[in-house]
Amino acid sequence: MPSSDCEREDDQASAEPLLEKTEAAYPAPLLRRQYMAAAAIITPILLFILSFLWALDGKLFKSSSNDDVCQQPAVRQEWRTLSSSERLEYIRAVKCLSSIPSTLCNGSLHDEFAYIHRNVGEYSAPFLPWHRYFIHIYEQTLKLRCDYKGSLPYWDWTRDSANLSQAPVWDATEGFGGNGNLNSDMTIGDGYCVEDGPFAGLEVQYYNEDWQPHCLSRGLLTGAFLDHFGAQRVNSSVVAAVLDAPDYYSFLLMLEDDPIFFLHHAQIDRLWWKWQRQDPAVRMLSYNGPTRTNSSIAAQLTDLIEMDGLASDISVSSVMSVDRSILCYKYRD
């Protein structure tokens, strides 16, 4: 039975030695002399061949630390620019992920992502690279497990700042459904069960860090108040000010100060991508701030992005550029 805490247990079995170190494991003196004589002849020949190949093509042994720029990057598009069939196909894939049982915990593969998401802290340097890698894993899982052929879309909420409550992402047919039913009982946090759209009635498993099965719930600001909030906080001039941030940590703090960034992490990644492209020689390596909330330890590019078994842990430097083969995507404005 899978555990409710979504964590793997370490393998406790001790490995047997591959070869017992006894005298029988080694060649007799005569054989050793023969091996050494053969090595004396073969080694110069091998060195000559290797040096010839190196001179012939210096790229043959190129260091793996210099990742190739990907040749066919996936293109992430804004939600409303997708065709009707593309929006429905993305929704299908997300529902598919929600239907596949988890092998790690109670719930589905989609619930695994919700659980792992607890790892990242606000107001810390890893927030942006952690989410960049996190949503990339999500995108690849949709493709591998649910045969999704598209790319991860983003929601540019600046386009809806004047009328946020009518944004196309809330559409009940080609979107994610609307707000929770405010006339029903509150379910968890400040949310109410979502009763329209493709995810109406979906049971999700985790709230914060705890296993608390409940209906998919939303408690969004509504009506004129939500539209006023959008006009004041997510308009294009606010984003322009964010993109003018002089350094990485200033840029990060300006993003996290805006609560609506939770609505779409791909949009935040897109803004970081745009900020990096303004001065790529500097900003592709620009990374500073604390490693965790309220920590005094300075973050470094060699720090690991930890995924608790959801995927391999990798260094921050590996995801600083989306053009590298490990990520291989770009955004279409």
C-alpha atoms as a PDB file:
ATOM      1  CA  MET A   1       0.000   0.000   0.000  1.00  0.00           C
ATOM      2  CA  PRO A   2       1.344   3.466  -0.779  1.00  0.00           C
ATOM      3  CA  SER A   3       1.990   5.686   2.189  1.00  0.00           C
ATOM      4  CA  SER A   4       0.100   8.890   2.781  1.00  0.00           C
ATOM      5  CA  ASP A   5       3.221  10.998   3.194  1.00  0.00           C
ATOM      6  CA  CYS A   6       4.489  10.497  -0.369  1.00  0.00           C
ATOM      7  CA  GLU A   7       8.012   9.617   0.711  1.00  0.00           C
ATOM      8  CA  ARG A   8      10.165   6.687  -0.385  1.00  0.00           C
ATOM      9  CA  GLU A   9      12.027   4.584   2.171  1.00  0.00           C
ATOM     10  CA  ASP A  10      15.758   4.028   1.733  1.00  0.00           C
ATOM     11  CA  ASP A  11      16.843   0.571   0.672  1.00  0.00           C
ATOM     12  CA  GLN A  12      18.175  -1.114   3.792  1.00  0.00           C
ATOM     13  CA  ALA A  13      19.759  -4.131   2.069  1.00  0.00           C
ATOM     14  CA  SER A  14      23.545  -4.127   2.158  1.00  0.00           C
ATOM     15  CA  ALA A  15      25.325  -4.729  -1.137  1.00  0.00           C
ATOM     16  CA  GLU A  16      27.549  -7.805  -1.461  1.00  0.00           C
ATOM     17  CA  PRO A  17      31.116  -7.165  -2.622  1.00  0.00           C
ATOM     18  CA  LEU A  18      31.573  -7.756  -6.338  1.00  0.00           C
ATOM     19  CA  LEU A  19      34.826  -9.603  -5.928  1.00  0.00           C
ATOM     20  CA  GLU A  20      36.441 -11.080  -2.860  1.00  0.00           C
ATOM     21  CA  LYS A  21      40.002  -9.798  -2.503  1.00  0.00           C
ATOM     22  CA  THR A  22      41.903 -13.106  -2.329  1.00  0.00           C
ATOM     23  CA  GLU A  23      45.096 -14.363  -3.938  1.00  0.00           C
ATOM     24  CA  ALA A  24      43.045 -16.428  -6.398  1.00  0.00           C
ATOM     25  CA  ALA A  25      41.537 -13.242  -7.748  1.00  0.00           C
ATOM     26  CA  TYR A  26      44.851 -12.040  -9.134  1.00  0.00           C
ATOM     27  CA  PRO A  27      47.008 -13.393 -12.017  1.00  0.00           C
ATOM     28  CA  ALA A  28      50.009 -15.535 -11.251  1.00  0.00           C
ATOM     29  CA  PRO A  29      53.399 -13.744 -11.523  1.00  0.00           C
ATOM     30  CA  LEU A  30      54.005 -15.054 -15.057  1.00  0.00           C
ATOM     31  CA  LEU A  31      50.620 -13.838 -16.274  1.00  0.00           C
ATOM     32  CA  ARG A  32      51.187 -10.460 -14.667  1.00  0.00           C
ATOM     33  CA  ARG A  33      54.463 -10.013 -16.583  1.00  0.00           C
ATOM     34  CA  GLN A  34      52.723 -10.955 -19.841  1.00  0.00           C
ATOM     35  CA  TYR A  35      49.948  -8.433 -19.195  1.00  0.00           C
ATOM     36  CA  MET A  36      52.463  -5.690 -18.468  1.00  0.00           C
ATOM     37  CA  ALA A  37      54.375  -6.425 -21.668  1.00  0.00           C
ATOM     38  CA  ALA A  38      51.189  -6.297 -23.720  1.00  0.00           C
ATOM     39  CA  ALA A  39      50.162  -3.043 -22.051  1.00  0.00           C
ATOM     40  CA  ALA A  40      53.527  -1.497 -22.900  1.00  0.00           C
ATOM     41  CA  ILE A  41      52.851  -2.161 -26.596  1.00  0.00           C
ATOM     42  CA  ILE A  42      49.137  -1.316 -26.737  1.00  0.00           C
ATOM     43  CA  THR A  43      49.124   1.874 -24.635  1.00  0.00           C
ATOM     44  CA  PRO A  44      51.219   4.036 -27.049  1.00  0.00           C
ATOM     45  CA  ILE A  45      49.049   2.856 -29.957  1.00  0.00           C
ATOM     46  CA  LEU A  46      45.853   3.837 -28.123  1.00  0.00           C
ATOM     47  CA  LEU A  47      47.294   7.224 -27.183  1.00  0.00           C
ATOM     48  CA  PHE A  48      48.226   7.865 -30.816  1.00  0.00           C
ATOM     49  CA  ILE A  49      44.713   6.976 -32.012  1.00  0.00           C
ATOM     50  CA  LEU A  50      43.090   9.197 -29.376  1.00  0.00           C
ATOM     51  CA  SER A  51      45.333  12.168 -30.185  1.00  0.00           C
ATOM     52  CA  PHE A  52      44.562  11.736 -33.886  1.00  0.00           C
ATOM     53  CA  LEU A  53      40.817  11.721 -33.272  1.00  0.00           C
ATOM     54  CA  TRP A  54      41.097  14.740 -30.993  1.00  0.00           C
ATOM     55  CA  ALA A  55      42.940  16.692 -33.686  1.00  0.00           C
ATOM     56  CA  LEU A  56      40.430  15.567 -36.308  1.00  0.00           C
ATOM     57  CA  ASP A  57      37.431  16.825 -34.384  1.00  0.00           C
ATOM     58  CA  GLY A  58      37.868  18.785 -31.194  1.00  0.00           C
ATOM     59  CA  LYS A  59      34.165  18.488 -30.495  1.00  0.00           C
ATOM     60  CA  LEU A  60      34.371  14.731 -30.088  1.00  0.00           C
ATOM     61  CA  PHE A  61      35.292  14.927 -26.433  1.00  0.00           C
ATOM     62  CA  LYS A  62      33.543  18.183 -25.550  1.00  0.00           C
ATOM     63  CA  SER A  63      32.872  18.553 -21.840  1.00  0.00           C
ATOM     64  CA  SER A  64      29.369  17.627 -20.767  1.00  0.00           C
ATOM     65  CA  SER A  65      29.275  20.793 -18.636  1.00  0.00           C
ATOM     66  CA  ASN A  66      28.819  22.833 -21.810  1.00  0.00           C
ATOM     67  CA  ASP A  67      25.305  21.787 -22.713  1.00  0.00           C
ATOM     68  CA  ASP A  68      24.339  22.111 -26.345  1.00  0.00           C
ATOM     69  CA  VAL A  69      21.758  24.696 -27.263  1.00  0.00           C
ATOM     70  CA  CYS A  70      18.649  22.728 -28.186  1.00  0.00           C
ATOM     71  CA  GLN A  71      17.765  22.778 -31.862  1.00  0.00           C
ATOM     72  CA  GLN A  72      13.976  22.356 -31.668  1.00  0.00           C
ATOM     73  CA  PRO A  73      12.701  24.015 -28.496  1.00  0.00           C
ATOM     74  CA  ALA A  74       9.122  23.509 -27.405  1.00  0.00           C
ATOM     75  CA  VAL A  75       7.089  26.709 -27.675  1.00  0.00           C
ATOM     76  CA  ARG A  76       4.961  27.714 -24.702  1.00  0.00           C
ATOM     77  CA  GLN A  77       2.009  29.887 -25.690  1.00  0.00           C
ATOM     78  CA  GLU A  78      -0.435  32.107 -23.851  1.00  0.00           C
ATOM     79  CA  TRP A  79      -3.679  30.273 -23.026  1.00  0.00           C
ATOM     80  CA  ARG A  80      -5.994  32.364 -25.200  1.00  0.00           C
ATOM     81  CA  THR A  81      -3.761  31.963 -28.265  1.00  0.00           C
ATOM     82  CA  LEU A  82      -4.274  28.196 -28.248  1.00  0.00           C
ATOM     83  CA  SER A  83      -6.921  26.827 -30.568  1.00  0.00           C
ATOM     84  CA  SER A  84     -10.068  25.325 -29.091  1.00  0.00           C
ATOM     85  CA  SER A  85      -8.781  21.822 -29.750  1.00  0.00           C
ATOM     86  CA  GLU A  86      -5.407  22.646 -28.152  1.00  0.00           C
ATOM     87  CA  ARG A  87      -7.066  23.950 -24.981  1.00  0.00           C
ATOM     88  CA  LEU A  88      -9.279  20.879 -24.742  1.00  0.00           C
ATOM     89  CA  GLU A  89      -6.297  18.593 -25.344  1.00  0.00           C
ATOM     90  CA  TYR A  90      -4.371  20.199 -22.506  1.00  0.00           C
ATOM     91  CA  ILE A  91      -7.355  19.827 -20.174  1.00  0.00           C
ATOM     92  CA  ARG A  92      -7.660  16.176 -21.219  1.00  0.00           C
ATOM     93  CA  ALA A  93      -4.020  15.545 -20.325  1.00  0.00           C
ATOM     94  CA  VAL A  94      -4.364  17.195 -16.908  1.00  0.00           C
ATOM     95  CA  LYS A  95      -7.462  15.100 -16.167  1.00  0.00           C
ATOM     96  CA  CYS A  96      -5.534  12.032 -17.300  1.00  0.00           C
ATOM     97  CA  LEU A  97      -2.761  12.793 -14.812  1.00  0.00           C
ATOM     98  CA  SER A  98      -5.401  13.118 -12.101  1.00  0.00           C
ATOM     99  CA  SER A  99      -6.695   9.637 -12.905  1.00  0.00           C
ATOM    100  CA  ILE A 100      -3.384   7.730 -12.720  1.00  0.00           C
ATOM    101  CA  PRO A 101      -2.807   6.251  -9.244  1.00  0.00           C
ATOM    102  CA  SER A 102       0.306   7.357  -7.445  1.00  0.00           C
ATOM    103  CA  THR A 103       2.914   4.760  -6.540  1.00  0.00           C
ATOM    104  CA  LEU A 104       4.230   6.963  -3.737  1.00  0.00           C
ATOM    105  CA  CYS A 105       1.190   8.095  -1.797  1.00  0.00           C
ATOM    106  CA  ASN A 106      -2.564   8.220  -1.570  1.00  0.00           C
ATOM    107  CA  GLY A 107      -4.049   9.908  -4.598  1.00  0.00           C
ATOM    108  CA  SER A 108      -2.910  10.437  -8.156  1.00  0.00           C
ATOM    109  CA  LEU A 109       0.204  11.494 -10.030  1.00  0.00           C
ATOM    110  CA  HIS A 110      -1.215  15.002  -9.950  1.00  0.00           C
ATOM    111  CA  ASP A 111      -1.365  14.795  -6.155  1.00  0.00           C
ATOM    112  CA  GLU A 112       2.338  13.932  -6.082  1.00  0.00           C
ATOM    113  CA  PHE A 113       3.114  17.316  -7.631  1.00  0.00           C
ATOM    114  CA  ALA A 114       0.917  19.057  -5.073  1.00  0.00           C
ATOM    115  CA  TYR A 115       2.780  17.319  -2.275  1.00  0.00           C
ATOM    116  CA  ILE A 116       6.295  17.959  -3.583  1.00  0.00           C
ATOM    117  CA  HIS A 117       5.416  21.637  -4.051  1.00  0.00           C
ATOM    118  CA  ARG A 118       5.745  22.119  -0.294  1.00  0.00           C
ATOM    119  CA  ASN A 119       9.553  22.069  -0.694  1.00  0.00           C
ATOM    120  CA  VAL A 120      10.041  25.590  -1.935  1.00  0.00           C
ATOM    121  CA  GLY A 121      10.006  28.593   0.354  1.00  0.00           C
ATOM    122  CA  GLU A 122       8.841  32.099  -0.445  1.00  0.00           C
ATOM    123  CA  TYR A 123      11.313  34.977  -0.463  1.00  0.00           C
ATOM    124  CA  SER A 124      14.319  32.725  -1.120  1.00  0.00           C
ATOM    125  CA  ALA A 125      16.666  32.502  -4.087  1.00  0.00           C
ATOM    126  CA  PRO A 126      15.696  28.952  -5.198  1.00  0.00           C
ATOM    127  CA  PHE A 127      12.074  29.942  -5.804  1.00  0.00           C
ATOM    128  CA  LEU A 128      12.471  30.731  -9.508  1.00  0.00           C
ATOM    129  CA  PRO A 129      14.839  27.930 -10.592  1.00  0.00           C
ATOM    130  CA  TRP A 130      12.962  25.429  -8.424  1.00  0.00           C
ATOM    131  CA  HIS A 131       9.669  26.241 -10.140  1.00  0.00           C
ATOM    132  CA  ARG A 132      11.308  26.338 -13.564  1.00  0.00           C
ATOM    133  CA  TYR A 133      12.445  22.751 -13.102  1.00  0.00           C
ATOM    134  CA  PHE A 134       9.205  21.755 -11.348  1.00  0.00           C
ATOM    135  CA  ILE A 135       6.886  22.863 -14.141  1.00  0.00           C
ATOM    136  CA  HIS A 136       9.245  21.334 -16.711  1.00  0.00           C
ATOM    137  CA  ILE A 137       8.879  17.967 -14.951  1.00  0.00           C
ATOM    138  CA  TYR A 138       5.100  18.460 -14.932  1.00  0.00           C
ATOM    139  CA  GLU A 139       5.111  19.222 -18.652  1.00  0.00           C
ATOM    140  CA  GLN A 140       7.213  16.141 -19.425  1.00  0.00           C
ATOM    141  CA  THR A 141       4.999  13.935 -17.245  1.00  0.00           C
ATOM    142  CA  LEU A 142       1.936  15.056 -19.198  1.00  0.00           C
ATOM    143  CA  LYS A 143       3.723  14.009 -22.365  1.00  0.00           C
ATOM    144  CA  LEU A 144       5.116  10.698 -21.132  1.00  0.00           C
ATOM    145  CA  ARG A 145       2.162   9.451 -19.101  1.00  0.00           C
ATOM    146  CA  CYS A 146      -0.787  11.055 -20.870  1.00  0.00           C
ATOM    147  CA  ASP A 147       0.434  11.306 -24.472  1.00  0.00           C
ATOM    148  CA  TYR A 148       0.217  15.097 -24.495  1.00  0.00           C
ATOM    149  CA  LYS A 149       1.711  16.505 -27.694  1.00  0.00           C
ATOM    150  CA  GLY A 150       1.668  20.200 -26.857  1.00  0.00           C
ATOM    151  CA  SER A 151       3.660  22.424 -24.510  1.00  0.00           C
ATOM    152  CA  LEU A 152       2.861  23.907 -21.142  1.00  0.00           C
ATOM    153  CA  PRO A 153       0.751  27.064 -21.676  1.00  0.00           C
ATOM    154  CA  TYR A 154       0.947  30.208 -19.564  1.00  0.00           C
ATOM    155  CA  TRP A 155      -1.638  32.772 -18.482  1.00  0.00           C
ATOM    156  CA  ASP A 156      -0.608  36.374 -19.040  1.00  0.00           C
ATOM    157  CA  TRP A 157      -2.896  37.974 -16.479  1.00  0.00           C
ATOM    158  CA  THR A 158      -1.890  41.485 -17.590  1.00  0.00           C
ATOM    159  CA  ARG A 159      -4.191  40.981 -20.574  1.00  0.00           C
ATOM    160  CA  ASP A 160      -7.113  40.541 -18.193  1.00  0.00           C
ATOM    161  CA  SER A 161      -6.226  43.179 -15.620  1.00  0.00           C
ATOM    162  CA  ALA A 162      -9.205  45.385 -16.530  1.00  0.00           C
ATOM    163  CA  ASN A 163     -11.694  42.511 -16.201  1.00  0.00           C
ATOM    164  CA  LEU A 164      -9.962  39.729 -14.290  1.00  0.00           C
ATOM    165  CA  SER A 165     -13.149  37.895 -13.336  1.00  0.00           C
ATOM    166  CA  GLN A 166     -13.899  37.299 -17.033  1.00  0.00           C
ATOM    167  CA  ALA A 167     -10.494  35.885 -17.968  1.00  0.00           C
ATOM    168  CA  PRO A 168     -10.755  32.966 -20.418  1.00  0.00           C
ATOM    169  CA  VAL A 169      -8.956  30.630 -18.011  1.00  0.00           C
ATOM    170  CA  TRP A 170     -12.176  30.525 -15.942  1.00  0.00           C
ATOM    171  CA  ASP A 171     -14.276  29.307 -18.865  1.00  0.00           C
ATOM    172  CA  ALA A 172     -16.377  26.268 -17.936  1.00  0.00           C
ATOM    173  CA  THR A 173     -15.891  24.540 -21.300  1.00  0.00           C
ATOM    174  CA  GLU A 174     -12.447  25.459 -22.619  1.00  0.00           C
ATOM    175  CA  GLY A 175     -10.905  26.574 -19.348  1.00  0.00           C
ATOM    176  CA  PHE A 176     -10.466  25.387 -15.777  1.00  0.00           C
ATOM    177  CA  GLY A 177     -13.904  26.287 -14.475  1.00  0.00           C
ATOM    178  CA  GLY A 178     -14.839  29.189 -12.277  1.00  0.00           C
ATOM    179  CA  ASN A 179     -14.886  30.036  -8.618  1.00  0.00           C
ATOM    180  CA  GLY A 180     -16.123  27.782  -5.846  1.00  0.00           C
ATOM    181  CA  ASN A 181     -19.798  27.936  -4.950  1.00  0.00           C
ATOM    182  CA  LEU A 182     -19.847  30.705  -2.346  1.00  0.00           C
ATOM    183  CA  ASN A 183     -23.373  29.692  -1.300  1.00  0.00           C
ATOM    184  CA  SER A 184     -22.204  26.247  -0.201  1.00  0.00           C
ATOM    185  CA  ASP A 185     -20.286  25.253   2.907  1.00  0.00           C
ATOM    186  CA  MET A 186     -16.625  26.222   3.058  1.00  0.00           C
ATOM    187  CA  THR A 187     -14.518  23.116   2.518  1.00  0.00           C
ATOM    188  CA  ILE A 188     -10.903  23.854   3.365  1.00  0.00           C
ATOM    189  CA  GLY A 189      -8.965  27.046   3.974  1.00  0.00           C
ATOM    190  CA  ASP A 190     -11.076  29.810   2.437  1.00  0.00           C
ATOM    191  CA  GLY A 191     -12.269  27.655  -0.451  1.00  0.00           C
ATOM    192  CA  TYR A 192     -15.534  26.237  -1.717  1.00  0.00           C
ATOM    193  CA  CYS A 193     -16.153  23.273  -4.018  1.00  0.00           C
ATOM    194  CA  VAL A 194     -15.792  24.047  -7.729  1.00  0.00           C
ATOM    195  CA  GLU A 195     -19.053  22.980  -9.361  1.00  0.00           C
ATOM    196  CA  ASP A 196     -18.543  23.875 -13.009  1.00  0.00           C
ATOM    197  CA  GLY A 197     -15.983  23.133 -15.690  1.00  0.00           C
ATOM    198  CA  PRO A 198     -13.924  20.021 -16.436  1.00  0.00           C
ATOM    199  CA  PHE A 199     -12.610  19.684 -12.869  1.00  0.00           C
ATOM    200  CA  ALA A 200     -15.932  19.966 -11.044  1.00  0.00           C
ATOM    201  CA  GLY A 201     -16.161  17.289  -8.373  1.00  0.00           C
ATOM    202  CA  LEU A 202     -12.459  16.414  -8.558  1.00  0.00           C
ATOM    203  CA  GLU A 203     -11.163  15.103  -5.239  1.00  0.00           C
ATOM    204  CA  VAL A 204      -7.659  16.242  -4.383  1.00  0.00           C
ATOM    205  CA  GLN A 205      -5.620  14.846  -1.525  1.00  0.00           C
ATOM    206  CA  TYR A 206      -3.337  17.445   0.007  1.00  0.00           C
ATOM    207  CA  TYR A 207      -3.735  20.786   1.702  1.00  0.00           C
ATOM    208  CA  ASN A 208      -0.541  22.555   2.655  1.00  0.00           C
ATOM    209  CA  GLU A 209       1.698  19.688   3.872  1.00  0.00           C
ATOM    210  CA  ASP A 210      -1.067  17.461   5.198  1.00  0.00           C
ATOM    211  CA  TRP A 211      -3.088  14.642   3.699  1.00  0.00           C
ATOM    212  CA  GLN A 212      -6.623  16.057   3.757  1.00  0.00           C
ATOM    213  CA  PRO A 213      -8.830  14.687   0.942  1.00  0.00           C
ATOM    214  CA  HIS A 214     -11.300  17.319  -0.228  1.00  0.00           C
ATOM    215  CA  CYS A 215     -13.047  18.601  -3.322  1.00  0.00           C
ATOM    216  CA  LEU A 216     -11.137  20.941  -5.619  1.00  0.00           C
ATOM    217  CA  SER A 217     -11.827  24.256  -3.908  1.00  0.00           C
ATOM    218  CA  ARG A 218     -11.456  27.899  -4.823  1.00  0.00           C
ATOM    219  CA  GLY A 219     -12.171  31.059  -2.892  1.00  0.00           C
ATOM    220  CA  LEU A 220     -11.252  33.760  -5.372  1.00  0.00           C
ATOM    221  CA  LEU A 221     -12.083  37.419  -5.044  1.00  0.00           C
ATOM    222  CA  THR A 222     -15.237  38.091  -7.009  1.00  0.00           C
ATOM    223  CA  GLY A 223     -16.908  40.658  -9.191  1.00  0.00           C
ATOM    224  CA  ALA A 224     -15.963  44.335  -9.082  1.00  0.00           C
ATOM    225  CA  PHE A 225     -13.502  43.827  -6.216  1.00  0.00           C
ATOM    226  CA  LEU A 226     -11.523  41.251  -8.210  1.00  0.00           C
ATOM    227  CA  ASP A 227     -11.529  43.491 -11.288  1.00  0.00           C
ATOM    228  CA  HIS A 228     -10.320  46.453  -9.217  1.00  0.00           C
ATOM    229  CA  PHE A 229      -7.549  44.265  -7.793  1.00  0.00           C
ATOM    230  CA  GLY A 230      -6.539  43.211 -11.300  1.00  0.00           C
ATOM    231  CA  ALA A 231      -6.469  46.769 -12.571  1.00  0.00           C
ATOM    232  CA  GLN A 232      -4.235  47.840  -9.689  1.00  0.00           C
ATOM    233  CA  ARG A 233      -1.883  44.879  -9.261  1.00  0.00           C
ATOM    234  CA  VAL A 234      -1.463  42.865 -12.477  1.00  0.00           C
ATOM    235  CA  ASN A 235      -1.517  45.450 -15.246  1.00  0.00           C
ATOM    236  CA  SER A 236       1.249  45.920 -17.805  1.00  0.00           C
ATOM    237  CA  SER A 237       2.847  48.877 -15.993  1.00  0.00           C
ATOM    238  CA  VAL A 238       3.337  46.768 -12.861  1.00  0.00           C
ATOM    239  CA  VAL A 239       5.030  44.056 -14.931  1.00  0.00           C
ATOM    240  CA  ALA A 240       7.190  46.682 -16.645  1.00  0.00           C
ATOM    241  CA  ALA A 241       8.403  47.845 -13.231  1.00  0.00           C
ATOM    242  CA  VAL A 242       9.251  44.256 -12.308  1.00  0.00           C
ATOM    243  CA  LEU A 243      11.263  43.789 -15.504  1.00  0.00           C
ATOM    244  CA  ASP A 244      13.252  46.933 -14.641  1.00  0.00           C
ATOM    245  CA  ALA A 245      14.593  45.351 -11.450  1.00  0.00           C
ATOM    246  CA  PRO A 246      18.390  45.796 -11.471  1.00  0.00           C
ATOM    247  CA  ASP A 247      19.427  42.417 -10.060  1.00  0.00           C
ATOM    248  CA  TYR A 248      18.150  38.876  -9.523  1.00  0.00           C
ATOM    249  CA  TYR A 249      17.050  39.145  -5.891  1.00  0.00           C
ATOM    250  CA  SER A 250      15.270  42.463  -6.414  1.00  0.00           C
ATOM    251  CA  PHE A 251      13.470  40.899  -9.365  1.00  0.00           C
ATOM    252  CA  LEU A 252      12.520  37.849  -7.286  1.00  0.00           C
ATOM    253  CA  LEU A 253      11.156  39.865  -4.366  1.00  0.00           C
ATOM    254  CA  MET A 254       9.014  42.027  -6.636  1.00  0.00           C
ATOM    255  CA  LEU A 255       7.395  38.915  -8.092  1.00  0.00           C
ATOM    256  CA  GLU A 256       6.721  37.215  -4.797  1.00  0.00           C
ATOM    257  CA  ASP A 257       5.140  40.352  -3.374  1.00  0.00           C
ATOM    258  CA  ASP A 258       2.309  39.919  -5.851  1.00  0.00           C
ATOM    259  CA  PRO A 259      -0.134  37.248  -4.571  1.00  0.00           C
ATOM    260  CA  ILE A 260      -1.589  36.501  -7.963  1.00  0.00           C
ATOM    261  CA  PHE A 261       1.641  34.833  -9.096  1.00  0.00           C
ATOM    262  CA  PHE A 262       0.270  31.621  -7.600  1.00  0.00           C
ATOM    263  CA  LEU A 263      -2.286  31.448 -10.414  1.00  0.00           C
ATOM    264  CA  HIS A 264       0.234  30.534 -13.012  1.00  0.00           C
ATOM    265  CA  HIS A 265       3.858  29.599 -12.394  1.00  0.00           C
ATOM    266  CA  ALA A 266       4.602  29.420 -16.094  1.00  0.00           C
ATOM    267  CA  GLN A 267       3.811  33.129 -16.407  1.00  0.00           C
ATOM    268  CA  ILE A 268       6.312  33.857 -13.651  1.00  0.00           C
ATOM    269  CA  ASP A 269       8.907  31.719 -15.404  1.00  0.00           C
ATOM    270  CA  ARG A 270       8.180  33.632 -18.611  1.00  0.00           C
ATOM    271  CA  LEU A 271       8.807  36.954 -16.866  1.00  0.00           C
ATOM    272  CA  TRP A 272      12.088  35.633 -15.509  1.00  0.00           C
ATOM    273  CA  TRP A 273      12.971  34.430 -19.029  1.00  0.00           C
ATOM    274  CA  LYS A 274      12.220  37.904 -20.427  1.00  0.00           C
ATOM    275  CA  TRP A 275      14.259  39.567 -17.672  1.00  0.00           C
ATOM    276  CA  GLN A 276      17.221  37.265 -18.380  1.00  0.00           C
ATOM    277  CA  ARG A 277      17.090  37.995 -22.117  1.00  0.00           C
ATOM    278  CA  GLN A 278      17.524  41.739 -21.528  1.00  0.00           C
ATOM    279  CA  ASP A 279      21.172  41.119 -20.559  1.00  0.00           C
ATOM    280  CA  PRO A 280      21.904  37.412 -21.134  1.00  0.00           C
ATOM    281  CA  ALA A 281      25.674  37.626 -20.664  1.00  0.00           C
ATOM    282  CA  VAL A 282      25.114  38.731 -17.069  1.00  0.00           C
ATOM    283  CA  ARG A 283      21.664  37.508 -16.117  1.00  0.00           C
ATOM    284  CA  MET A 284      22.034  33.897 -17.205  1.00  0.00           C
ATOM    285  CA  LEU A 285      24.488  33.650 -14.302  1.00  0.00           C
ATOM    286  CA  SER A 286      22.802  36.127 -11.963  1.00  0.00           C
ATOM    287  CA  TYR A 287      21.653  34.290  -8.847  1.00  0.00           C
ATOM    288  CA  ASN A 288      21.756  35.527  -5.264  1.00  0.00           C
ATOM    289  CA  GLY A 289      19.781  35.713  -2.062  1.00  0.00           C
ATOM    290  CA  PRO A 290      19.209  33.355   0.884  1.00  0.00           C
ATOM    291  CA  THR A 291      18.951  29.600   0.319  1.00  0.00           C
ATOM    292  CA  ARG A 292      15.787  29.423   2.426  1.00  0.00           C
ATOM    293  CA  THR A 293      13.351  31.830   4.003  1.00  0.00           C
ATOM    294  CA  ASN A 294      15.040  33.694   6.874  1.00  0.00           C
ATOM    295  CA  SER A 295      18.327  31.873   6.222  1.00  0.00           C
ATOM    296  CA  SER A 296      21.703  33.614   6.424  1.00  0.00           C
ATOM    297  CA  ILE A 297      23.303  31.168   3.969  1.00  0.00           C
ATOM    298  CA  ALA A 298      23.958  32.699   0.550  1.00  0.00           C
ATOM    299  CA  ALA A 299      22.653  30.800  -2.468  1.00  0.00           C
ATOM    300  CA  GLN A 300      25.072  29.572  -5.141  1.00  0.00           C
ATOM    301  CA  LEU A 301      24.670  28.246  -8.665  1.00  0.00           C
ATOM    302  CA  THR A 302      26.094  24.915  -7.523  1.00  0.00           C
ATOM    303  CA  ASP A 303      23.229  24.391  -5.057  1.00  0.00           C
ATOM    304  CA  LEU A 304      20.956  21.437  -5.763  1.00  0.00           C
ATOM    305  CA  ILE A 305      17.298  21.694  -6.711  1.00  0.00           C
ATOM    306  CA  GLU A 306      15.725  18.901  -4.679  1.00  0.00           C
ATOM    307  CA  MET A 307      12.621  17.078  -5.910  1.00  0.00           C
ATOM    308  CA  ASP A 308      12.127  14.410  -3.224  1.00  0.00           C
ATOM    309  CA  GLY A 309      12.182  11.574  -5.740  1.00  0.00           C
ATOM    310  CA  LEU A 310       9.784  13.161  -8.221  1.00  0.00           C
ATOM    311  CA  ALA A 311      12.772  13.581 -10.553  1.00  0.00           C
ATOM    312  CA  SER A 312      16.547  13.684 -10.310  1.00  0.00           C
ATOM    313  CA  ASP A 313      18.034  16.489  -8.234  1.00  0.00           C
ATOM    314  CA  ILE A 314      20.043  18.883 -10.403  1.00  0.00           C
ATOM    315  CA  SER A 315      22.103  22.019  -9.883  1.00  0.00           C
ATOM    316  CA  VAL A 316      20.629  25.498 -10.148  1.00  0.00           C
ATOM    317  CA  SER A 317      23.092  26.247 -12.954  1.00  0.00           C
ATOM    318  CA  SER A 318      21.464  23.499 -15.052  1.00  0.00           C
ATOM    319  CA  VAL A 319      18.204  25.441 -15.361  1.00  0.00           C
ATOM    320  CA  MET A 320      19.431  29.013 -15.613  1.00  0.00           C
ATOM    321  CA  SER A 321      19.026  28.898 -19.388  1.00  0.00           C
ATOM    322  CA  VAL A 322      15.913  27.396 -20.984  1.00  0.00           C
ATOM    323  CA  ASP A 323      17.860  27.079 -24.253  1.00  0.00           C
ATOM    324  CA  ARG A 324      19.894  24.159 -22.946  1.00  0.00           C
ATOM    325  CA  SER A 325      18.942  20.649 -23.944  1.00  0.00           C
ATOM    326  CA  ILE A 326      17.859  19.700 -20.430  1.00  0.00           C
ATOM    327  CA  LEU A 327      14.896  22.119 -20.679  1.00  0.00           C
ATOM    328  CA  CYS A 328      14.685  23.090 -24.353  1.00  0.00           C
ATOM    329  CA  TYR A 329      11.752  25.481 -24.582  1.00  0.00           C
ATOM    330  CA  LYS A 330      10.933  29.116 -25.200  1.00  0.00           C
ATOM    331  CA  TYR A 331       7.953  31.420 -24.832  1.00  0.00           C
ATOM    332  CA  ARG A 332       5.846  33.012 -27.526  1.00  0.00           C
ATOM    333  CA  ASP A 333       4.543  36.438 -26.540  1.00  0.00           C
END
